[in-house]
Amino acid sequence: MSFFGKRQTQSISAGVAQARPAGFGAGRATAFGHARAEEAPAEAPPSMPPADIIEPVPGPADDAMARLQQRNAEANTPASARTQRELAAIRFEETIHTIKEQVLPRLLERIDAEAAASLSREDLSDEFRPIISEVLLELRINLNRREQFALEKVLVDELLGLGPLEELLADPEVSDIMVNGPYQVYVERKGRLELSHVRFRDDTHVFQIAQRICNRIGRRIDQTTPLADARLEDGSRVNVIVPPLSLKGTAISIRKFSAKPITLDMMARGGNCSDAMATFLKIAGASRLNVVISGGTGSGKTTLLNALSKMIDPGERVITIEDAAELRLQQPHVLTLETRPANLEGDGAITIRDLVINALRMRPDRIILGEIRGAECFDMLQAMNTGHDGSMCTLHANSPREALARMENMVLMSDIKVPKSAITRQIADSVDLIVQIKRMRDGARRITSITEIVGMEGDVIVSQELFKFEYQDESADGQIIGEFRPQGLRPYTVEKARQFGFEKAYLEACL
């Protein structure tokens, strides 16, 4: 007898050729023939090919055109063409979900929901197994061992987890999950998007999962608040948008948090940067340089910020500020702050700027801002220039020069009445390095530039590029081939590195 039901039974053991100029082959053959006229036989043997037939050598342009034609052919291919394995997996999933709809109501009648929520997934599975057997016996449904285990997992995921998303969250190769309504779920594996076999029952099912994600961190998603930023327990970032704003139904975007902490050495081994760049960034983090990480959406800014923050001295007090807490710093003295949305009456919102202003009164050694989007940029620049050296932040920009322009625009768009020249001077005095990271078309994230802010020349910010990724070619399988090159310039920030004893290694990395 257990608190889950009145009856308890034994568990069931359960390429295109490039055209040559007209007359190219003939002219070359004729010239060659005249030059060897005396030595050549009067009549070429029949086995020799004519001299004016030259086989074209495929080049990069030919490969690119071949890929373009292949993409056009695939676009005209019906999307319904699936392999037998994919169809079998879809049919199996549909069968299990159909049975789940019959079993779930009867299962809920036999369990105590509060007691079930207090158990782990393993203990809950052990308690569910005999009850599921009873319900299947009542419904006269016979399942083999594989089907029974799959049904058990689906029921546990439905009651405690995130339903169909649990399978994708457990897959270590999946880095992003994009739910476009109940019947279309895309995932990103190794930088490439692909359609998964996961499906929801209907849009109500997707909406219930979205509500469960938001409710866990005290946020709300409904028709009055159709947008929400949230996070999972492991730190994965979640964005939810529901109808009427989303015309295809509830949409959920999940940026998975890596279970294994990424370090700069791992990034160097993985081809995200060179060993010299990794050494340079380590010294920059340890020498309390103010660093801005710039890049596009999904380029790996937060991952790089996490890796860079590992160089912070354990004795420093660090305050992190984010919309949804994603940073996972390993230092012992870290305080995490998170924004709060407005309530139903539209009051009570706490913005990033409010948290930055408050953090300045909390005696921080460093302030790490997840992302700057608006007026908080000015307060962050003030923090960098008023005794909080070593602060870091991220922003969206496609180049270091554009990052500087965006910082100026964000301050100008706020209600702060400061002349543009003063804002430019503040940026030049506050920021030491801009690290540009990019997600390239082969799916790899690479640090494409490390730029140092030198100072001002008139009204223009002067910078110099210390490291650069130079594109060279593309392999047959679509991988980008390039080289990380130091530009051989002496960094102006070497004076800060000298104060921490890193001058020699700092210069060696750059030169």
Protein backbone atom coordinates (compact mmCIF):
# COMPACT_ATOMS: atom_id res chain seq x y z
CA MET A 1 0.00 0.00 0.00
CA SER A 2 1.44 3.42 -0.95
CA PHE A 3 0.17 6.98 -0.92
CA PHE A 4 -0.07 6.87 -4.73
CA GLY A 5 -2.94 4.42 -4.93
CA LYS A 6 -5.04 1.89 -3.11
CA ARG A 7 -3.63 -1.05 -5.01
CA GLN A 8 0.01 -1.89 -5.64
CA THR A 9 1.21 -4.57 -8.02
CA GLN A 10 4.61 -5.81 -9.10
CA SER A 11 6.43 -3.67 -11.62
CA ILE A 12 6.59 -4.98 -15.14
CA SER A 13 10.09 -5.88 -16.24
CA ALA A 14 9.44 -4.43 -18.21
CA GLY A 15 30.28 21.30 -59.75
CA VAL A 16 29.53 23.83 -62.78
CA ALA A 17 32.42 24.41 -65.33
CA GLN A 18 33.64 28.02 -65.67
CA ALA A 19 33.52 29.33 -69.26
CA ARG A 20 36.83 30.37 -70.85
CA PRO A 21 37.21 33.28 -73.26
CA ALA A 22 36.49 32.45 -76.87
CA GLY A 23 39.55 31.26 -78.71
CA PHE A 24 41.56 30.71 -75.53
CA GLY A 25 42.27 27.04 -76.15
CA ALA A 26 42.68 27.42 -79.91
CA GLY A 27 45.07 30.35 -79.62
CA ARG A 28 47.22 28.51 -77.11
CA ALA A 29 47.29 25.35 -79.22
CA THR A 30 48.15 27.29 -82.38
CA ALA A 31 50.98 29.13 -80.72
CA PHE A 32 52.24 25.88 -79.23
CA GLY A 33 51.97 24.16 -82.60
CA HIS A 34 53.93 26.88 -84.45
CA ALA A 35 56.66 26.78 -81.83
CA ARG A 36 57.11 23.02 -82.30
CA ALA A 37 56.36 22.88 -86.00
CA GLU A 38 59.67 21.31 -87.05
CA GLU A 39 59.70 18.63 -84.34
CA ALA A 40 56.01 17.66 -84.40
CA PRO A 41 54.94 14.83 -86.72
CA ALA A 42 52.97 15.76 -89.75
CA GLU A 43 49.89 13.97 -88.48
CA ALA A 44 49.01 13.35 -84.83
CA PRO A 45 48.27 9.75 -83.84
CA PRO A 46 44.57 8.94 -83.61
CA SER A 47 44.90 8.14 -79.88
CA MET A 48 45.97 11.70 -78.99
CA PRO A 49 43.20 14.17 -78.23
CA PRO A 50 43.02 17.37 -80.25
CA ALA A 51 45.29 20.03 -78.86
CA ASP A 52 42.51 22.63 -78.61
CA ILE A 53 40.40 20.58 -76.12
CA ILE A 54 41.35 21.69 -72.62
CA GLU A 55 39.47 20.35 -69.60
CA PRO A 56 38.34 23.19 -67.33
CA VAL A 57 39.71 23.09 -63.78
CA PRO A 58 36.98 23.69 -61.19
CA GLY A 59 37.67 26.65 -58.93
CA PRO A 60 36.04 28.25 -55.86
CA ALA A 61 33.50 30.06 -58.03
CA ASP A 62 32.51 26.75 -59.64
CA ASP A 63 32.00 25.13 -56.23
CA ALA A 64 29.88 28.03 -55.03
CA MET A 65 27.68 27.89 -58.15
CA ALA A 66 27.32 24.12 -57.76
CA ARG A 67 26.13 24.56 -54.17
CA LEU A 68 23.70 27.25 -55.30
CA GLN A 69 22.22 24.97 -57.97
CA GLN A 70 21.95 22.12 -55.46
CA ARG A 71 20.13 24.40 -53.00
CA ASN A 72 17.72 25.44 -55.76
CA ALA A 73 17.06 21.78 -56.61
CA GLU A 74 16.42 20.93 -52.97
CA ALA A 75 13.99 23.84 -52.68
CA ASN A 76 11.91 22.30 -55.47
CA THR A 77 11.93 18.86 -53.82
CA PRO A 78 8.75 18.01 -51.86
CA ALA A 79 9.33 18.37 -48.11
CA SER A 80 7.22 15.28 -47.49
CA ALA A 81 9.96 12.98 -48.76
CA ARG A 82 11.07 11.22 -45.56
CA THR A 83 13.09 8.12 -44.91
CA GLN A 84 11.44 4.97 -43.63
CA ARG A 85 13.20 5.38 -40.28
CA GLU A 86 11.84 8.91 -39.82
CA LEU A 87 8.31 7.78 -40.68
CA ALA A 88 8.55 4.85 -38.28
CA ALA A 89 9.77 7.13 -35.47
CA ILE A 90 6.91 9.57 -36.11
CA ARG A 91 4.33 6.77 -36.08
CA PHE A 92 5.78 5.36 -32.84
CA GLU A 93 5.64 8.79 -31.16
CA GLU A 94 2.05 9.32 -32.31
CA THR A 95 1.04 5.92 -30.93
CA ILE A 96 2.61 6.62 -27.54
CA HIS A 97 0.98 10.05 -27.31
CA THR A 98 -2.41 8.60 -28.23
CA ILE A 99 -2.11 6.03 -25.43
CA LYS A 100 -0.89 8.74 -23.06
CA GLU A 101 -4.08 10.73 -23.61
CA GLN A 102 -6.11 7.73 -22.46
CA VAL A 103 -3.90 6.80 -19.52
CA LEU A 104 -3.17 10.28 -18.08
CA PRO A 105 -6.71 11.11 -16.75
CA ARG A 106 -7.01 7.75 -14.98
CA LEU A 107 -3.48 8.09 -13.62
CA LEU A 108 -4.24 11.50 -12.11
CA GLU A 109 -7.20 9.99 -10.24
CA ARG A 110 -4.91 7.51 -8.49
CA ILE A 111 -2.07 9.76 -7.35
CA ASP A 112 -1.48 12.58 -4.93
CA ALA A 113 -0.19 15.48 -7.03
CA GLU A 114 1.58 17.21 -4.11
CA ALA A 115 3.34 14.01 -3.08
CA ALA A 116 4.35 13.34 -6.69
CA ALA A 117 5.89 16.81 -7.04
CA SER A 118 8.13 16.15 -4.04
CA LEU A 119 9.73 13.03 -5.55
CA SER A 120 12.64 12.73 -7.95
CA ARG A 121 12.10 11.48 -11.48
CA GLU A 122 13.54 8.03 -10.64
CA ASP A 123 11.35 7.56 -7.56
CA LEU A 124 8.30 8.80 -9.42
CA SER A 125 8.94 6.33 -12.24
CA ASP A 126 9.14 3.48 -9.72
CA GLU A 127 5.82 4.54 -8.18
CA PHE A 128 4.15 5.05 -11.55
CA ARG A 129 5.10 1.70 -13.03
CA PRO A 130 2.55 -0.53 -11.19
CA ILE A 131 -0.20 2.08 -11.48
CA ILE A 132 0.36 2.39 -15.23
CA SER A 133 0.10 -1.40 -15.51
CA GLU A 134 -3.25 -1.32 -13.74
CA VAL A 135 -4.60 1.41 -16.01
CA LEU A 136 -3.43 -0.39 -19.17
CA LEU A 137 -5.10 -3.57 -17.93
CA GLU A 138 -8.36 -1.69 -17.39
CA LEU A 139 -8.16 -0.16 -20.86
CA ARG A 140 -7.22 -3.55 -22.36
CA ILE A 141 -4.10 -2.14 -23.98
CA ASN A 142 -1.14 -4.46 -24.46
CA LEU A 143 2.30 -2.89 -24.81
CA ASN A 144 5.71 -4.41 -25.30
CA ARG A 145 8.65 -3.43 -23.09
CA ARG A 146 9.85 -0.62 -25.39
CA GLU A 147 6.39 0.91 -25.60
CA GLN A 148 5.86 0.65 -21.85
CA PHE A 149 9.14 2.39 -21.06
CA ALA A 150 8.40 5.11 -23.62
CA LEU A 151 4.91 5.64 -22.14
CA GLU A 152 6.34 5.83 -18.64
CA LYS A 153 8.89 8.46 -19.69
CA VAL A 154 6.27 10.55 -21.52
CA LEU A 155 3.98 10.55 -18.48
CA VAL A 156 6.76 11.57 -16.09
CA ASP A 157 7.89 14.32 -18.50
CA GLU A 158 4.32 15.54 -18.78
CA LEU A 159 3.78 15.76 -15.03
CA LEU A 160 7.18 16.97 -13.80
CA GLY A 161 9.16 18.14 -16.82
CA LEU A 162 8.60 20.05 -20.03
CA GLY A 163 6.81 17.35 -21.99
CA PRO A 164 8.23 16.63 -25.46
CA LEU A 165 11.07 19.12 -24.91
CA GLU A 166 12.72 16.91 -22.29
CA GLU A 167 14.16 14.65 -24.99
CA LEU A 168 15.81 17.59 -26.75
CA LEU A 169 17.06 19.14 -23.52
CA ALA A 170 18.78 15.86 -22.65
CA ASP A 171 20.55 15.67 -26.03
CA PRO A 172 24.08 17.10 -25.57
CA GLU A 173 24.44 17.83 -29.31
CA VAL A 174 21.44 20.19 -29.35
CA SER A 175 22.42 23.81 -28.62
CA ASP A 176 19.18 25.60 -29.58
CA ILE A 177 15.52 24.56 -29.60
CA MET A 178 12.96 26.53 -31.62
CA VAL A 179 9.27 25.63 -31.24
CA ASN A 180 7.17 27.15 -34.03
CA GLY A 181 3.75 26.01 -32.95
CA PRO A 182 2.78 22.45 -32.00
CA TYR A 183 3.87 20.61 -35.15
CA GLN A 184 7.20 22.23 -36.06
CA VAL A 185 10.22 22.03 -33.74
CA TYR A 186 13.67 22.91 -35.08
CA VAL A 187 16.97 22.27 -33.32
CA GLU A 188 20.53 23.41 -33.89
CA ARG A 189 23.24 20.74 -33.97
CA LYS A 190 26.85 21.73 -34.56
CA GLY A 191 25.77 25.12 -35.87
CA ARG A 192 23.23 23.76 -38.40
CA LEU A 193 19.43 23.93 -38.14
CA GLU A 194 17.38 20.81 -38.70
CA LEU A 195 13.76 19.77 -38.23
CA SER A 196 13.26 17.36 -35.31
CA HIS A 197 10.65 14.63 -34.98
CA VAL A 198 9.28 16.12 -31.73
CA ARG A 199 5.70 17.28 -31.84
CA PHE A 200 3.15 18.61 -29.37
CA ARG A 201 -0.45 17.52 -29.06
CA ASP A 202 -1.88 20.93 -30.00
CA ASP A 203 -1.27 24.60 -29.32
CA THR A 204 -2.85 24.33 -25.87
CA HIS A 205 -0.19 21.76 -25.02
CA VAL A 206 2.60 24.14 -26.10
CA PHE A 207 1.02 26.98 -24.15
CA GLN A 208 0.86 24.87 -20.99
CA ILE A 209 4.57 24.05 -21.27
CA ALA A 210 5.38 27.75 -21.81
CA GLN A 211 3.37 28.67 -18.72
CA ARG A 212 5.17 26.03 -16.69
CA ILE A 213 8.56 27.49 -17.70
CA CYS A 214 7.56 31.04 -16.78
CA ASN A 215 5.76 30.16 -13.54
CA ARG A 216 8.86 28.46 -12.17
CA ILE A 217 10.71 31.78 -11.97
CA GLY A 218 7.70 33.90 -11.03
CA ARG A 219 6.93 35.32 -14.47
CA ARG A 220 3.70 35.40 -16.40
CA ILE A 221 2.71 34.60 -19.97
CA ASP A 222 -0.85 35.10 -21.25
CA GLN A 223 -2.78 37.26 -23.72
CA THR A 224 -2.29 40.37 -21.57
CA THR A 225 1.46 39.66 -21.36
CA PRO A 226 2.21 37.85 -24.64
CA LEU A 227 6.00 38.23 -24.37
CA ALA A 228 8.27 36.75 -21.70
CA ASP A 229 11.96 36.13 -21.07
CA ALA A 230 12.67 33.25 -18.73
CA ARG A 231 15.28 30.63 -17.90
CA LEU A 232 15.45 26.96 -17.05
CA GLU A 233 16.94 25.52 -13.89
CA ASP A 234 20.29 24.90 -15.61
CA GLY A 235 20.51 28.52 -16.80
CA SER A 236 19.27 28.00 -20.36
CA ARG A 237 17.73 31.14 -21.83
CA VAL A 238 14.06 30.99 -22.86
CA ASN A 239 11.91 33.40 -24.86
CA VAL A 240 8.17 32.87 -25.25
CA ILE A 241 5.71 34.67 -27.53
CA VAL A 242 2.05 33.69 -27.80
CA PRO A 243 -0.94 34.64 -29.99
CA PRO A 244 -2.12 37.13 -31.10
CA LEU A 245 1.47 38.29 -31.66
CA SER A 246 2.54 34.88 -32.99
CA LEU A 247 0.35 33.81 -35.89
CA LYS A 248 1.55 30.18 -35.93
CA GLY A 249 0.72 29.57 -32.29
CA THR A 250 2.86 29.64 -29.18
CA ALA A 251 6.56 29.96 -30.04
CA ILE A 252 9.32 28.96 -27.61
CA SER A 253 13.02 29.64 -28.22
CA ILE A 254 15.53 27.96 -25.90
CA ARG A 255 19.27 28.70 -25.90
CA LYS A 256 20.67 25.73 -24.01
CA PHE A 257 23.25 26.28 -21.33
CA SER A 258 26.33 24.13 -21.68
CA ALA A 259 26.59 21.60 -18.87
CA LYS A 260 30.37 21.62 -19.22
CA PRO A 261 31.97 25.01 -18.46
CA ILE A 262 33.79 26.45 -21.48
CA THR A 263 37.27 27.87 -20.93
CA LEU A 264 39.52 29.94 -23.18
CA ASP A 265 41.83 26.95 -23.59
CA MET A 266 38.90 24.85 -24.80
CA MET A 267 37.98 27.59 -27.26
CA ALA A 268 41.55 27.64 -28.59
CA ARG A 269 41.56 23.84 -29.04
CA GLY A 270 38.17 24.01 -30.74
CA GLY A 271 39.30 26.56 -33.32
CA ASN A 272 37.32 29.48 -31.89
CA CYS A 273 40.52 31.46 -31.41
CA SER A 274 44.29 31.00 -31.48
CA ASP A 275 46.51 30.16 -28.52
CA ALA A 276 47.96 33.68 -28.62
CA MET A 277 44.47 35.21 -28.51
CA ALA A 278 43.50 32.97 -25.59
CA THR A 279 46.63 34.02 -23.68
CA PHE A 280 45.95 37.68 -24.46
CA LEU A 281 42.35 37.45 -23.20
CA LYS A 282 43.44 35.63 -20.04
CA ILE A 283 45.85 38.44 -19.21
CA ALA A 284 43.22 41.06 -20.10
CA GLY A 285 40.77 39.47 -17.64
CA ALA A 286 43.36 39.16 -14.88
CA SER A 287 44.72 42.70 -15.45
CA ARG A 288 41.29 44.31 -14.88
CA LEU A 289 40.82 45.66 -18.40
CA ASN A 290 37.35 46.90 -19.27
CA VAL A 291 36.10 44.56 -22.00
CA VAL A 292 33.11 44.85 -24.33
CA ILE A 293 32.15 41.65 -26.18
CA SER A 294 30.40 42.41 -29.46
CA GLY A 295 28.63 40.06 -31.86
CA GLY A 296 25.39 39.03 -33.49
CA THR A 297 22.57 36.91 -32.11
CA GLY A 298 23.74 33.40 -31.25
CA SER A 299 27.39 34.22 -31.88
CA GLY A 300 28.54 33.03 -28.44
CA LYS A 301 28.90 36.32 -26.55
CA THR A 302 27.65 34.94 -23.23
CA THR A 303 29.82 31.83 -23.55
CA LEU A 304 32.88 33.98 -24.16
CA LEU A 305 31.95 36.23 -21.24
CA ASN A 306 31.69 33.18 -18.98
CA ALA A 307 35.10 31.95 -20.15
CA LEU A 308 36.68 35.38 -19.70
CA SER A 309 35.25 35.80 -16.21
CA LYS A 310 37.19 32.74 -14.98
CA MET A 311 40.30 34.95 -14.88
CA ILE A 312 38.80 37.15 -12.14
CA ASP A 313 40.65 37.00 -8.84
CA PRO A 314 38.71 34.96 -6.23
CA GLY A 315 39.15 37.78 -3.71
CA GLU A 316 37.14 40.30 -5.72
CA ARG A 317 33.46 41.08 -5.19
CA VAL A 318 31.62 40.61 -8.50
CA ILE A 319 28.02 41.65 -9.26
CA THR A 320 26.31 40.28 -12.38
CA ILE A 321 23.22 41.96 -13.85
CA GLU A 322 21.01 40.28 -16.46
CA ASP A 323 17.46 40.11 -17.75
CA ALA A 324 17.48 36.33 -17.23
CA ALA A 325 20.40 35.00 -15.19
CA GLU A 326 22.66 32.96 -17.47
CA LEU A 327 26.18 33.71 -16.29
CA ARG A 328 27.78 30.99 -14.19
CA LEU A 329 30.83 32.47 -12.49
CA GLN A 330 33.07 30.16 -10.47
CA GLN A 331 34.34 32.78 -8.03
CA PRO A 332 33.19 32.49 -4.40
CA HIS A 333 32.09 36.13 -4.00
CA VAL A 334 29.50 36.62 -6.75
CA LEU A 335 26.11 38.30 -6.38
CA THR A 336 23.57 37.79 -9.19
CA LEU A 337 20.88 40.39 -9.89
CA GLU A 338 17.95 39.90 -12.27
CA THR A 339 15.41 42.32 -13.69
CA ARG A 340 11.69 42.13 -12.92
CA PRO A 341 8.84 42.82 -15.37
CA ALA A 342 5.85 44.99 -14.54
CA ASN A 343 2.76 43.53 -12.86
CA LEU A 344 -0.76 43.46 -14.30
CA GLU A 345 -1.26 47.14 -13.45
CA GLY A 346 1.96 48.04 -15.26
CA ASP A 347 3.84 48.93 -12.09
CA GLY A 348 6.77 47.46 -10.22
CA ALA A 349 9.15 46.94 -13.16
CA ILE A 350 12.87 46.89 -12.29
CA THR A 351 15.08 47.57 -15.30
CA ILE A 352 18.75 46.85 -15.92
CA ARG A 353 19.53 50.53 -15.42
CA ASP A 354 17.89 50.47 -11.98
CA LEU A 355 20.05 47.49 -11.03
CA VAL A 356 23.26 49.08 -12.36
CA ILE A 357 22.62 52.26 -10.35
CA ASN A 358 21.89 50.20 -7.24
CA ALA A 359 24.95 47.98 -7.80
CA LEU A 360 27.22 51.02 -7.58
CA ARG A 361 26.15 51.35 -3.92
CA MET A 362 26.96 47.70 -3.14
CA ARG A 363 30.77 48.07 -3.10
CA PRO A 364 31.51 45.94 -6.19
CA ASP A 365 35.02 45.40 -7.50
CA ARG A 366 33.65 44.49 -10.92
CA ILE A 367 30.25 44.77 -12.56
CA ILE A 368 29.39 42.27 -15.30
CA LEU A 369 26.41 43.22 -17.43
CA GLY A 370 24.82 40.46 -19.47
CA GLU A 371 23.80 42.77 -22.32
CA ILE A 372 23.41 46.51 -22.74
CA ARG A 373 20.45 47.68 -24.80
CA GLY A 374 19.63 51.23 -23.75
CA ALA A 375 20.13 53.92 -21.14
CA GLU A 376 22.06 51.59 -18.83
CA CYS A 377 25.02 52.00 -21.22
CA PHE A 378 25.83 55.41 -19.72
CA ASP A 379 25.78 54.08 -16.16
CA MET A 380 27.96 51.14 -17.18
CA LEU A 381 30.50 53.51 -18.74
CA GLN A 382 30.52 55.55 -15.55
CA ALA A 383 31.14 52.39 -13.52
CA MET A 384 34.08 51.45 -15.75
CA ASN A 385 35.59 54.92 -15.30
CA THR A 386 35.02 55.39 -11.55
CA GLY A 387 37.00 52.67 -9.83
CA HIS A 388 35.33 49.51 -11.15
CA ASP A 389 38.12 48.42 -13.48
CA GLY A 390 37.72 44.99 -15.02
CA SER A 391 34.01 45.36 -15.71
CA MET A 392 32.61 43.50 -18.71
CA CYS A 393 29.49 43.55 -20.85
CA THR A 394 28.10 42.38 -24.18
CA LEU A 395 26.17 44.11 -26.95
CA HIS A 396 24.89 43.38 -30.44
CA ALA A 397 27.07 44.75 -33.24
CA ASN A 398 28.72 43.46 -36.41
CA SER A 399 32.12 45.12 -35.96
CA PRO A 400 34.14 46.92 -33.27
CA ARG A 401 33.60 50.30 -34.94
CA GLU A 402 29.85 49.63 -35.07
CA ALA A 403 29.93 48.66 -31.38
CA LEU A 404 31.32 52.10 -30.52
CA ALA A 405 28.62 53.77 -32.62
CA ARG A 406 25.90 51.71 -30.96
CA MET A 407 27.11 52.69 -27.50
CA GLU A 408 26.91 56.35 -28.50
CA ASN A 409 23.41 55.88 -29.92
CA MET A 410 22.13 54.06 -26.82
CA VAL A 411 23.22 56.93 -24.60
CA LEU A 412 21.78 59.55 -26.98
CA MET A 413 18.43 57.70 -27.14
CA SER A 414 18.04 57.90 -23.37
CA ASP A 415 16.82 60.90 -21.39
CA ILE A 416 20.36 61.84 -20.36
CA LYS A 417 21.19 65.35 -21.54
CA VAL A 418 24.87 65.00 -22.38
CA PRO A 419 26.64 66.42 -25.47
CA LYS A 420 27.73 63.87 -28.04
CA SER A 421 31.37 64.90 -27.67
CA ALA A 422 31.21 64.14 -23.93
CA ILE A 423 29.70 60.73 -24.63
CA THR A 424 32.41 59.90 -27.13
CA ARG A 425 35.09 60.97 -24.66
CA GLN A 426 33.46 58.84 -21.95
CA ILE A 427 33.55 55.75 -24.19
CA ALA A 428 37.19 56.32 -25.14
CA ASP A 429 38.21 56.74 -21.49
CA SER A 430 36.20 53.77 -20.21
CA VAL A 431 36.55 50.91 -22.70
CA ASP A 432 39.90 49.17 -23.13
CA LEU A 433 39.11 46.25 -25.47
CA ILE A 434 36.36 45.26 -27.89
CA VAL A 435 36.27 41.54 -28.66
CA GLN A 436 34.29 40.73 -31.81
CA ILE A 437 32.87 37.23 -32.11
CA LYS A 438 30.91 35.90 -35.07
CA ARG A 439 28.90 32.83 -35.98
CA MET A 440 30.05 31.94 -39.49
CA ARG A 441 28.13 30.13 -42.17
CA ASP A 442 29.73 26.77 -41.34
CA GLY A 443 28.19 27.01 -37.87
CA ALA A 444 31.46 27.68 -36.01
CA ARG A 445 31.81 30.61 -33.63
CA ARG A 446 35.12 32.42 -34.05
CA ILE A 447 36.68 35.49 -32.47
CA THR A 448 37.23 37.57 -35.60
CA SER A 449 38.84 40.65 -34.04
CA ILE A 450 40.35 41.99 -30.82
CA THR A 451 40.49 45.78 -30.98
CA GLU A 452 42.09 48.13 -28.49
CA ILE A 453 40.78 51.63 -27.79
CA VAL A 454 43.75 54.00 -27.92
CA GLY A 455 42.16 57.39 -27.20
CA MET A 456 40.75 60.40 -29.03
CA GLU A 457 41.90 62.34 -32.08
CA GLY A 458 39.66 65.35 -32.37
CA ASP A 459 36.09 64.03 -32.10
CA VAL A 460 36.95 60.53 -33.34
CA ILE A 461 37.79 57.51 -31.21
CA VAL A 462 41.14 56.02 -32.24
CA SER A 463 41.50 52.23 -32.10
CA GLN A 464 43.96 49.63 -33.30
CA GLU A 465 43.28 46.01 -34.21
CA LEU A 466 45.59 43.62 -32.36
CA PHE A 467 44.25 40.29 -33.69
CA LYS A 468 42.24 39.41 -36.76
CA PHE A 469 40.74 36.30 -38.35
CA GLU A 470 41.53 36.28 -42.07
CA TYR A 471 39.33 34.18 -44.36
CA GLN A 472 41.27 32.04 -46.85
CA ASP A 473 39.05 29.40 -48.43
CA GLU A 474 36.22 26.95 -47.90
CA SER A 475 36.66 23.16 -47.80
CA ALA A 476 34.60 20.69 -49.79
CA ASP A 477 32.36 19.96 -46.78
CA GLY A 478 31.61 23.67 -46.26
CA GLN A 479 34.07 24.38 -43.44
CA ILE A 480 35.62 27.84 -43.36
CA ILE A 481 39.41 27.84 -43.66
CA GLY A 482 41.22 30.83 -42.22
CA GLU A 483 43.98 32.00 -39.93
CA PHE A 484 44.08 33.96 -36.68
CA ARG A 485 46.82 36.52 -37.12
CA PRO A 486 48.33 39.03 -34.68
CA GLN A 487 48.84 42.39 -36.34
CA GLY A 488 52.26 42.95 -34.74
CA LEU A 489 51.26 46.15 -32.90
CA ARG A 490 52.38 47.11 -29.43
CA PRO A 491 49.26 47.41 -27.22
CA TYR A 492 48.68 50.61 -25.27
CA THR A 493 47.16 48.61 -22.42
CA VAL A 494 50.52 46.99 -21.68
CA GLU A 495 50.92 49.47 -18.83
CA LYS A 496 48.00 47.86 -16.97
CA ALA A 497 49.42 44.40 -17.66
CA ARG A 498 52.79 45.54 -16.25
CA GLN A 499 51.12 46.39 -12.93
CA PHE A 500 50.09 42.74 -12.57
CA GLY A 501 53.40 41.29 -13.81
CA PHE A 502 52.14 40.15 -17.23
CA GLU A 503 54.07 42.60 -19.46
CA LYS A 504 56.34 40.06 -21.17
CA ALA A 505 53.64 37.46 -21.89
CA TYR A 506 51.26 40.24 -23.00
CA LEU A 507 53.72 41.59 -25.56
CA GLU A 508 54.71 38.11 -26.77
CA ALA A 509 51.06 37.26 -27.48
CA CYS A 510 50.58 40.43 -29.55
CA LEU A 511 53.90 40.42 -31.38
